[in-house]
Protein backbone atom coordinates (compact mmCIF):
# COMPACT_ATOMS: atom_id res chain seq x y z
CA SER A 1 69.22 52.55 -96.92
CA SER A 2 69.99 48.81 -96.88
CA GLY A 3 72.56 49.37 -94.07
CA ILE A 4 69.90 51.05 -91.90
CA ASN A 5 67.45 48.20 -92.56
CA ALA A 6 70.10 45.63 -91.61
CA GLU A 7 70.93 47.54 -88.43
CA TYR A 8 67.21 47.84 -87.59
CA GLY A 9 66.79 44.12 -88.25
CA GLN A 10 69.68 43.29 -85.93
CA GLU A 11 68.25 45.44 -83.11
CA LYS A 12 64.86 43.79 -83.58
CA LEU A 13 66.45 40.34 -83.38
CA ILE A 14 68.41 41.33 -80.26
CA LYS A 15 65.22 42.61 -78.57
CA GLU A 16 63.35 39.45 -79.53
CA GLY A 17 66.22 37.34 -78.19
CA LYS A 18 66.17 39.23 -74.87
CA LEU A 19 62.39 38.81 -74.61
CA ARG A 20 62.65 35.10 -75.37
CA ARG A 21 65.46 34.70 -72.80
CA ARG A 22 63.32 36.51 -70.20
CA ASP A 23 60.33 34.28 -71.07
CA LEU A 24 62.55 31.22 -70.74
CA GLU A 25 63.87 32.39 -67.37
CA ASP A 26 60.31 33.05 -66.18
CA ALA A 27 59.24 29.60 -67.35
CA GLU A 28 62.23 27.99 -65.59
CA THR A 29 61.38 29.86 -62.37
CA GLU A 30 57.75 28.78 -62.58
CA ASN A 31 58.86 25.21 -63.32
CA GLU A 32 61.13 25.24 -60.25
CA ASN A 33 58.28 26.60 -58.10
CA LEU A 34 55.99 23.85 -59.37
CA LYS A 35 58.63 21.22 -58.65
CA ASN A 36 58.98 22.53 -55.08
CA LYS A 37 55.21 22.52 -54.62
CA LEU A 38 55.01 18.95 -55.96
CA LYS A 39 57.77 17.85 -53.57
CA LYS A 40 55.87 19.42 -50.67
CA GLU A 41 52.58 17.79 -51.71
CA LYS A 42 54.32 14.43 -52.20
CA SER A 43 55.79 14.73 -48.71
CA GLU A 44 52.36 15.54 -47.27
CA LEU A 45 50.86 12.53 -49.06
CA GLU A 46 53.66 10.30 -47.77
CA ASP A 47 53.00 11.57 -44.23
CA LEU A 48 49.31 10.81 -44.67
CA ILE A 49 50.10 7.33 -45.97
CA ASP A 50 52.30 6.74 -42.91
CA LYS A 51 49.47 7.86 -40.63
CA LEU A 52 47.07 5.54 -42.44
CA LYS A 53 49.50 2.64 -42.13
CA LYS A 54 49.80 3.31 -38.39
CA ALA A 55 46.02 3.50 -38.07
CA VAL A 56 45.61 0.21 -39.95
CA LYS A 57 48.26 -1.41 -37.76
CA LYS A 58 46.53 -0.12 -34.62
CA LEU A 59 43.14 -1.30 -35.93
CA ASN A 60 44.54 -4.74 -36.72
CA GLN A 61 46.09 -4.90 -33.27
CA LEU A 62 42.79 -3.91 -31.65
CA ALA A 63 40.91 -6.41 -33.79
CA GLU A 64 43.31 -9.17 -32.76
CA GLU A 65 42.98 -8.22 -29.08
CA GLU A 66 39.21 -8.05 -29.44
CA SER A 67 39.14 -11.45 -31.15
CA GLU A 68 41.17 -12.99 -28.33
CA GLN A 69 38.92 -11.39 -25.71
CA LEU A 70 35.79 -12.50 -27.56
CA GLU A 71 37.09 -16.07 -27.58
CA GLN A 72 37.88 -15.81 -23.89
CA PHE A 73 34.49 -14.28 -23.08
CA THR A 74 32.70 -16.89 -25.19
CA ALA A 75 34.53 -19.68 -23.38
CA GLU A 76 33.76 -18.08 -20.02
CA LYS A 77 30.12 -17.62 -21.01
CA LEU A 78 29.82 -21.29 -22.01
CA THR A 79 31.47 -22.29 -18.75
CA LEU A 80 29.12 -20.06 -16.77
CA GLU A 81 26.11 -21.45 -18.63
CA ALA A 82 27.24 -25.00 -17.80
CA GLU A 83 27.69 -24.02 -14.17
CA LEU A 84 24.24 -22.46 -14.21
CA ALA A 85 22.68 -25.66 -15.56
CA ASN A 86 24.49 -27.73 -12.90
CA THR A 87 23.57 -25.28 -10.18
CA LYS A 88 19.87 -25.58 -11.00
CA LEU A 89 20.15 -29.29 -10.28
CA GLU A 90 21.91 -28.67 -6.96
CA GLU A 91 20.58 -27.67 -3.57
CA GLU A 92 18.41 -24.61 -3.08
CA ASP A 93 21.09 -22.82 -1.03
CA LYS A 94 23.03 -22.30 -4.29
CA VAL A 95 20.38 -19.92 -5.69
CA GLU A 96 22.44 -16.90 -4.53
CA GLU A 97 25.45 -18.20 -6.44
CA LEU A 98 23.27 -18.55 -9.54
CA GLY A 99 22.36 -14.87 -9.40
CA ARG A 100 26.03 -13.83 -9.25
CA VAL A 101 26.97 -16.00 -12.25
CA THR A 102 24.08 -14.59 -14.27
CA VAL A 103 25.14 -11.00 -13.50
CA GLU A 104 28.74 -11.77 -14.52
CA THR A 105 27.52 -13.25 -17.78
CA GLU A 106 25.45 -10.15 -18.54
CA GLU A 107 28.39 -7.89 -17.68
CA GLN A 108 30.62 -9.88 -20.02
CA GLU A 109 28.03 -9.72 -22.80
CA GLU A 110 27.80 -5.95 -22.27
CA ARG A 111 31.60 -5.65 -22.48
CA ILE A 112 31.57 -7.72 -25.68
CA ARG A 113 28.85 -5.48 -27.14
CA LEU A 114 30.78 -2.32 -26.20
CA MET A 115 33.98 -3.71 -27.75
CA GLU A 116 32.11 -4.52 -30.95
CA GLU A 117 30.76 -0.95 -31.08
CA GLU A 118 34.26 0.47 -30.50
CA HIS A 119 35.63 -1.78 -33.24
CA GLU A 120 32.92 -0.53 -35.65
CA MET A 121 33.71 3.10 -34.78
CA LEU A 122 37.42 2.54 -35.48
CA LYS A 123 36.58 0.96 -38.84
CA LEU A 124 34.43 3.97 -39.75
CA GLU A 125 37.17 6.41 -38.70
CA LEU A 126 39.69 4.52 -40.82
CA GLU A 127 37.34 4.56 -43.80
CA ALA A 128 36.88 8.31 -43.36
CA GLU A 129 40.65 8.85 -43.28
CA GLN A 130 41.09 6.70 -46.36
CA LEU A 131 38.37 8.61 -48.23
CA ALA A 132 39.97 11.92 -47.26
CA ALA A 133 43.34 10.68 -48.51
CA VAL A 134 41.83 9.58 -51.81
CA LYS A 135 40.11 12.95 -52.19
CA ARG A 136 43.34 14.83 -51.53
CA GLN A 137 45.21 12.64 -54.01
CA LYS A 138 42.56 13.24 -56.69
CA GLN A 139 42.69 16.99 -56.05
CA TRP A 140 46.46 16.88 -56.32
CA GLU A 141 46.26 14.91 -59.56
CA ALA A 142 43.69 17.32 -60.97
CA GLU A 143 45.91 20.29 -60.07
CA THR A 144 48.89 18.56 -61.60
CA ARG A 145 46.97 17.98 -64.87
CA LYS A 146 45.83 21.61 -64.95
CA LYS A 147 49.42 22.81 -64.58
CA LYS A 148 50.55 20.70 -67.52
């Protein structure tokens, strides 16, 4: 009777060992799948970061160009205003010239205003991209915590 119990005990241990080995293999497979998914998500985040860096670089470049143009337009506007003041003191046949200078000044002010609007739109787009990146990162972190 004790020999049968020992044999039964051994079979039970062997079955338990096989089940545990299968559970371990399943856990290792799941772990590998999670690692692959994390690598993919990390790669996607890195791509997004690269895109954001490029967008920031482009925005900085546009801001620098805009700043230079604003300085140029401001200087031109001051020059035109000085010319306008001088022209008013000159002969009446210069009235036509005055009209042209005034129109150029308004066109330059309109271009400045449009550039400022474009700059604001780019800033808003960048903020939206940054917020989306933060949201994706938080989702990824939340998923990562759930998996642990």
